[in-house]
């Protein structure tokens, strides 16, 4: 039997929640690593923006369909 098409199946695969949540989590993790590294001051200055953008992305993406 065929499955009926759901609302989530119309979304492009790259905009599904699972993949976008991984990207957002990687952004948050990389922002924390940038904040804690002792080598480059430029990375430290940008770390807050990277962490903030990953957090905001995760909040928005969590509303996407699976």
PDB file of N, CA and C in Angstrom:
ATOM      1  N   UNK A   1       0.828  -1.174   0.000  1.00  0.00           N
ATOM      2  CA  UNK A   1       0.000   0.000   0.000  1.00  0.00           C
ATOM      3  C   UNK A   1       0.879   1.246   0.000  1.00  0.00           C
ATOM      4  N   UNK A   2       0.394   2.270  -0.594  1.00  0.00           N
ATOM      5  CA  UNK A   2       1.144   3.518  -0.621  1.00  0.00           C
ATOM      6  C   UNK A   2       0.742   4.390   0.555  1.00  0.00           C
ATOM      7  N   UNK A   3       1.726   5.110   1.049  1.00  0.00           N
ATOM      8  CA  UNK A   3       1.467   6.027   2.164  1.00  0.00           C
ATOM      9  C   UNK A   3       0.890   7.324   1.622  1.00  0.00           C
ATOM     10  N   UNK A   4      -0.086   7.882   2.300  1.00  0.00           N
ATOM     11  CA  UNK A   4      -0.595   9.190   1.851  1.00  0.00           C
ATOM     12  C   UNK A   4       0.459  10.265   2.078  1.00  0.00           C
ATOM     13  N   UNK A   5       0.476  11.237   1.194  1.00  0.00           N
ATOM     14  CA  UNK A   5       1.446  12.326   1.320  1.00  0.00           C
ATOM     15  C   UNK A   5       1.059  13.209   2.490  1.00  0.00           C
ATOM     16  N   UNK A   6       2.024  13.480   3.311  1.00  0.00           N
ATOM     17  CA  UNK A   6       1.784  14.358   4.452  1.00  0.00           C
ATOM     18  C   UNK A   6       2.325  15.739   4.145  1.00  0.00           C
ATOM     19  N   UNK A   7       2.044  16.655   5.012  1.00  0.00           N
ATOM     20  CA  UNK A   7       2.524  18.028   4.841  1.00  0.00           C
ATOM     21  C   UNK A   7       4.043  18.092   4.875  1.00  0.00           C
ATOM     22  N   UNK A   8       4.676  17.266   5.711  1.00  0.00           N
ATOM     23  CA  UNK A   8       6.130  17.299   5.844  1.00  0.00           C
ATOM     24  C   UNK A   8       6.827  16.792   4.595  1.00  0.00           C
ATOM     25  N   UNK A   9       6.180  15.937   3.822  1.00  0.00           N
ATOM     26  CA  UNK A   9       6.848  15.377   2.649  1.00  0.00           C
ATOM     27  C   UNK A   9       6.998  16.401   1.527  1.00  0.00           C
ATOM     28  N   UNK A  10       6.303  17.509   1.587  1.00  0.00           N
ATOM     29  CA  UNK A  10       6.433  18.527   0.551  1.00  0.00           C
ATOM     30  C   UNK A  10       7.648  19.416   0.763  1.00  0.00           C
ATOM     31  N   UNK A  11       8.177  19.438   1.965  1.00  0.00           N
ATOM     32  CA  UNK A  11       9.348  20.267   2.250  1.00  0.00           C
ATOM     33  C   UNK A  11      10.561  19.682   1.550  1.00  0.00           C
ATOM     34  N   UNK A  12      11.453  20.524   1.048  1.00  0.00           N
ATOM     35  CA  UNK A  12      12.701  20.001   0.484  1.00  0.00           C
ATOM     36  C   UNK A  12      13.498  19.249   1.547  1.00  0.00           C
ATOM     37  N   UNK A  13      14.222  18.263   1.131  1.00  0.00           N
ATOM     38  CA  UNK A  13      14.948  17.418   2.080  1.00  0.00           C
ATOM     39  C   UNK A  13      15.973  18.208   2.889  1.00  0.00           C
ATOM     40  N   UNK A  14      16.589  19.227   2.301  1.00  0.00           N
ATOM     41  CA  UNK A  14      17.610  19.991   3.023  1.00  0.00           C
ATOM     42  C   UNK A  14      17.009  20.921   4.070  1.00  0.00           C
ATOM     43  N   UNK A  15      15.687  21.144   4.034  1.00  0.00           N
ATOM     44  CA  UNK A  15      15.041  22.003   5.018  1.00  0.00           C
ATOM     45  C   UNK A  15      14.323  21.206   6.108  1.00  0.00           C
ATOM     46  N   UNK A  16      14.533  19.915   6.145  1.00  0.00           N
ATOM     47  CA  UNK A  16      13.919  19.111   7.199  1.00  0.00           C
ATOM     48  C   UNK A  16      14.587  19.392   8.528  1.00  0.00           C
ATOM     49  N   UNK A  17      13.884  19.101   9.592  1.00  0.00           N
ATOM     50  CA  UNK A  17      14.359  19.456  10.926  1.00  0.00           C
ATOM     51  C   UNK A  17      15.638  18.743  11.312  1.00  0.00           C
ATOM     52  N   UNK A  18      15.754  17.481  11.017  1.00  0.00           N
ATOM     53  CA  UNK A  18      16.898  16.708  11.499  1.00  0.00           C
ATOM     54  C   UNK A  18      18.227  17.269  10.984  1.00  0.00           C
ATOM     55  N   UNK A  19      18.306  17.534   9.708  1.00  0.00           N
ATOM     56  CA  UNK A  19      19.557  18.033   9.127  1.00  0.00           C
ATOM     57  C   UNK A  19      19.877  19.446   9.618  1.00  0.00           C
ATOM     58  N   UNK A  20      18.869  20.295   9.703  1.00  0.00           N
ATOM     59  CA  UNK A  20      19.102  21.673  10.129  1.00  0.00           C
ATOM     60  C   UNK A  20      19.451  21.757  11.618  1.00  0.00           C
ATOM     61  N   UNK A  21      18.896  20.844  12.427  1.00  0.00           N
ATOM     62  CA  UNK A  21      19.263  20.819  13.846  1.00  0.00           C
ATOM     63  C   UNK A  21      20.723  20.429  14.027  1.00  0.00           C
ATOM     64  N   UNK A  22      21.201  19.537  13.186  1.00  0.00           N
ATOM     65  CA  UNK A  22      22.621  19.168  13.254  1.00  0.00           C
ATOM     66  C   UNK A  22      23.520  20.352  12.927  1.00  0.00           C
ATOM     67  N   UNK A  23      23.149  21.106  11.919  1.00  0.00           N
ATOM     68  CA  UNK A  23      23.941  22.279  11.543  1.00  0.00           C
ATOM     69  C   UNK A  23      23.934  23.307  12.674  1.00  0.00           C
ATOM     70  N   UNK A  24      22.760  23.529  13.273  1.00  0.00           N
ATOM     71  CA  UNK A  24      22.668  24.484  14.370  1.00  0.00           C
ATOM     72  C   UNK A  24      23.492  24.025  15.569  1.00  0.00           C
ATOM     73  N   UNK A  25      23.458  22.739  15.858  1.00  0.00           N
ATOM     74  CA  UNK A  25      24.249  22.208  16.966  1.00  0.00           C
ATOM     75  C   UNK A  25      25.735  22.356  16.692  1.00  0.00           C
ATOM     76  N   UNK A  26      26.143  22.125  15.463  1.00  0.00           N
ATOM     77  CA  UNK A  26      27.547  22.318  15.105  1.00  0.00           C
ATOM     78  C   UNK A  26      27.968  23.785  15.231  1.00  0.00           C
ATOM     79  N   UNK A  27      27.070  24.699  14.891  1.00  0.00           N
ATOM     80  CA  UNK A  27      27.379  26.119  15.050  1.00  0.00           C
ATOM     81  C   UNK A  27      27.570  26.485  16.517  1.00  0.00           C
ATOM     82  N   UNK A  28      26.696  25.984  17.370  1.00  0.00           N
ATOM     83  CA  UNK A  28      26.826  26.276  18.804  1.00  0.00           C
ATOM     84  C   UNK A  28      28.127  25.692  19.339  1.00  0.00           C
ATOM     85  N   UNK A  29      28.413  24.450  18.983  1.00  0.00           N
ATOM     86  CA  UNK A  29      29.633  23.795  19.467  1.00  0.00           C
ATOM     87  C   UNK A  29      30.885  24.503  18.950  1.00  0.00           C
ATOM     88  N   UNK A  30      30.879  24.910  17.690  1.00  0.00           N
ATOM     89  CA  UNK A  30      32.059  25.601  17.165  1.00  0.00           C
ATOM     90  C   UNK A  30      32.217  26.980  17.804  1.00  0.00           C
ATOM     91  N   UNK A  31      31.104  27.639  18.136  1.00  0.00           N
ATOM     92  CA  UNK A  31      31.192  28.916  18.832  1.00  0.00           C
ATOM     93  C   UNK A  31      31.799  28.772  20.213  1.00  0.00           C
ATOM     94  N   UNK A  32      31.455  27.704  20.913  1.00  0.00           N
ATOM     95  CA  UNK A  32      32.031  27.467  22.247  1.00  0.00           C
ATOM     96  C   UNK A  32      33.514  27.145  22.125  1.00  0.00           C
ATOM     97  N   UNK A  33      33.884  26.350  21.142  1.00  0.00           N
ATOM     98  CA  UNK A  33      35.308  26.033  20.928  1.00  0.00           C
ATOM     99  C   UNK A  33      36.072  27.304  20.582  1.00  0.00           C
ATOM    100  N   UNK A  34      35.486  28.153  19.748  1.00  0.00           N
ATOM    101  CA  UNK A  34      36.139  29.416  19.403  1.00  0.00           C
ATOM    102  C   UNK A  34      36.320  30.297  20.638  1.00  0.00           C
ATOM    103  N   UNK A  35      35.369  30.237  21.543  1.00  0.00           N
ATOM    104  CA  UNK A  35      35.447  31.053  22.751  1.00  0.00           C
ATOM    105  C   UNK A  35      36.530  30.555  23.708  1.00  0.00           C
ATOM    106  N   UNK A  36      36.766  29.270  23.717  1.00  0.00           N
ATOM    107  CA  UNK A  36      37.689  28.689  24.689  1.00  0.00           C
ATOM    108  C   UNK A  36      39.115  28.517  24.171  1.00  0.00           C
ATOM    109  N   UNK A  37      39.349  28.746  22.899  1.00  0.00           N
ATOM    110  CA  UNK A  37      40.704  28.562  22.363  1.00  0.00           C
ATOM    111  C   UNK A  37      41.584  29.751  22.731  1.00  0.00           C
ATOM    112  N   UNK A  38      42.865  29.513  22.996  1.00  0.00           N
ATOM    113  CA  UNK A  38      43.740  30.604  23.453  1.00  0.00           C
ATOM    114  C   UNK A  38      44.631  31.213  22.358  1.00  0.00           C
ATOM    115  N   UNK A  39      44.432  30.879  21.091  1.00  0.00           N
ATOM    116  CA  UNK A  39      45.398  31.237  20.056  1.00  0.00           C
ATOM    117  C   UNK A  39      45.058  32.492  19.269  1.00  0.00           C
ATOM    118  N   UNK A  40      43.862  32.594  18.749  1.00  0.00           N
ATOM    119  CA  UNK A  40      43.524  33.687  17.830  1.00  0.00           C
ATOM    120  C   UNK A  40      42.451  34.587  18.438  1.00  0.00           C
ATOM    121  N   UNK A  41      42.770  35.847  18.581  1.00  0.00           N
ATOM    122  CA  UNK A  41      41.823  36.788  19.161  1.00  0.00           C
ATOM    123  C   UNK A  41      40.639  37.043  18.224  1.00  0.00           C
ATOM    124  N   UNK A  42      40.849  36.956  16.917  1.00  0.00           N
ATOM    125  CA  UNK A  42      39.757  37.162  15.963  1.00  0.00           C
ATOM    126  C   UNK A  42      38.674  36.090  16.123  1.00  0.00           C
ATOM    127  N   UNK A  43      39.082  34.861  16.370  1.00  0.00           N
ATOM    128  CA  UNK A  43      38.098  33.798  16.605  1.00  0.00           C
ATOM    129  C   UNK A  43      37.321  34.062  17.889  1.00  0.00           C
ATOM    130  N   UNK A  44      38.003  34.537  18.898  1.00  0.00           N
ATOM    131  CA  UNK A  44      37.343  34.838  20.169  1.00  0.00           C
ATOM    132  C   UNK A  44      36.290  35.941  19.993  1.00  0.00           C
ATOM    133  N   UNK A  45      36.607  36.962  19.209  1.00  0.00           N
ATOM    134  CA  UNK A  45      35.674  38.065  19.006  1.00  0.00           C
ATOM    135  C   UNK A  45      34.422  37.625  18.253  1.00  0.00           C
ATOM    136  N   UNK A  46      34.565  36.679  17.352  1.00  0.00           N
ATOM    137  CA  UNK A  46      33.425  36.221  16.566  1.00  0.00           C
ATOM    138  C   UNK A  46      32.655  35.081  17.239  1.00  0.00           C
ATOM    139  N   UNK A  47      33.176  34.550  18.320  1.00  0.00           N
ATOM    140  CA  UNK A  47      32.577  33.363  18.937  1.00  0.00           C
ATOM    141  C   UNK A  47      31.170  33.638  19.465  1.00  0.00           C
ATOM    142  N   UNK A  48      30.918  34.801  20.024  1.00  0.00           N
ATOM    143  CA  UNK A  48      29.588  35.098  20.540  1.00  0.00           C
ATOM    144  C   UNK A  48      28.556  35.120  19.420  1.00  0.00           C
ATOM    145  N   UNK A  49      28.909  35.741  18.291  1.00  0.00           N
ATOM    146  CA  UNK A  49      27.967  35.794  17.169  1.00  0.00           C
ATOM    147  C   UNK A  49      27.684  34.408  16.599  1.00  0.00           C
ATOM    148  N   UNK A  50      28.700  33.567  16.537  1.00  0.00           N
ATOM    149  CA  UNK A  50      28.508  32.209  16.024  1.00  0.00           C
ATOM    150  C   UNK A  50      27.613  31.417  16.970  1.00  0.00           C
ATOM    151  N   UNK A  51      27.862  31.523  18.272  1.00  0.00           N
ATOM    152  CA  UNK A  51      27.041  30.809  19.247  1.00  0.00           C
ATOM    153  C   UNK A  51      25.608  31.329  19.232  1.00  0.00           C
ATOM    154  N   UNK A  52      25.446  32.625  19.164  1.00  0.00           N
ATOM    155  CA  UNK A  52      24.105  33.208  19.130  1.00  0.00           C
ATOM    156  C   UNK A  52      23.348  32.805  17.877  1.00  0.00           C
ATOM    157  N   UNK A  53      24.016  32.820  16.729  1.00  0.00           N
ATOM    158  CA  UNK A  53      23.328  32.436  15.492  1.00  0.00           C
ATOM    159  C   UNK A  53      22.952  30.957  15.506  1.00  0.00           C
ATOM    160  N   UNK A  54      23.797  30.111  16.064  1.00  0.00           N
ATOM    161  CA  UNK A  54      23.450  28.699  16.180  1.00  0.00           C
ATOM    162  C   UNK A  54      22.277  28.473  17.105  1.00  0.00           C
ATOM    163  N   UNK A  55      22.221  29.213  18.200  1.00  0.00           N
ATOM    164  CA  UNK A  55      21.107  29.088  19.141  1.00  0.00           C
ATOM    165  C   UNK A  55      19.800  29.556  18.516  1.00  0.00           C
ATOM    166  N   UNK A  56      19.836  30.702  17.857  1.00  0.00           N
ATOM    167  CA  UNK A  56      18.630  31.200  17.192  1.00  0.00           C
ATOM    168  C   UNK A  56      18.179  30.269  16.072  1.00  0.00           C
ATOM    169  N   UNK A  57      19.130  29.731  15.346  1.00  0.00           N
ATOM    170  CA  UNK A  57      18.798  28.786  14.285  1.00  0.00           C
ATOM    171  C   UNK A  57      18.142  27.540  14.858  1.00  0.00           C
ATOM    172  N   UNK A  58      18.642  27.054  15.986  1.00  0.00           N
ATOM    173  CA  UNK A  58      18.065  25.864  16.604  1.00  0.00           C
ATOM    174  C   UNK A  58      16.635  26.141  17.066  1.00  0.00           C
ATOM    175  N   UNK A  59      16.390  27.315  17.626  1.00  0.00           N
ATOM    176  CA  UNK A  59      15.042  27.648  18.090  1.00  0.00           C
ATOM    177  C   UNK A  59      14.074  27.710  16.914  1.00  0.00           C
ATOM    178  N   UNK A  60      14.497  28.312  15.819  1.00  0.00           N
ATOM    179  CA  UNK A  60      13.633  28.431  14.646  1.00  0.00           C
ATOM    180  C   UNK A  60      13.426  27.085  13.984  1.00  0.00           C
ATOM    181  N   UNK A  61      14.494  26.314  13.833  1.00  0.00           N
ATOM    182  CA  UNK A  61      14.413  25.033  13.122  1.00  0.00           C
ATOM    183  C   UNK A  61      13.601  24.015  13.907  1.00  0.00           C
ATOM    184  N   UNK A  62      13.551  24.145  15.221  1.00  0.00           N
ATOM    185  CA  UNK A  62      12.785  23.182  16.006  1.00  0.00           C
ATOM    186  C   UNK A  62      11.293  23.248  15.698  1.00  0.00           C
ATOM    187  N   UNK A  63      10.853  24.280  15.007  1.00  0.00           N
ATOM    188  CA  UNK A  63       9.445  24.393  14.598  1.00  0.00           C
ATOM    189  C   UNK A  63       9.187  23.751  13.238  1.00  0.00           C
ATOM    190  N   UNK A  64      10.234  23.368  12.507  1.00  0.00           N
ATOM    191  CA  UNK A  64      10.077  22.767  11.185  1.00  0.00           C
ATOM    192  C   UNK A  64       9.483  21.370  11.301  1.00  0.00           C
ATOM    193  N   UNK A  65       8.818  20.887  10.260  1.00  0.00           N
ATOM    194  CA  UNK A  65       8.312  19.517  10.280  1.00  0.00           C
ATOM    195  C   UNK A  65       9.432  18.507  10.113  1.00  0.00           C
ATOM    196  N   UNK A  66       9.177  17.305  10.555  1.00  0.00           N
ATOM    197  CA  UNK A  66      10.176  16.241  10.414  1.00  0.00           C
ATOM    198  C   UNK A  66      10.028  15.675   9.063  1.00  0.00           C
TER     199      UNK A  66
END
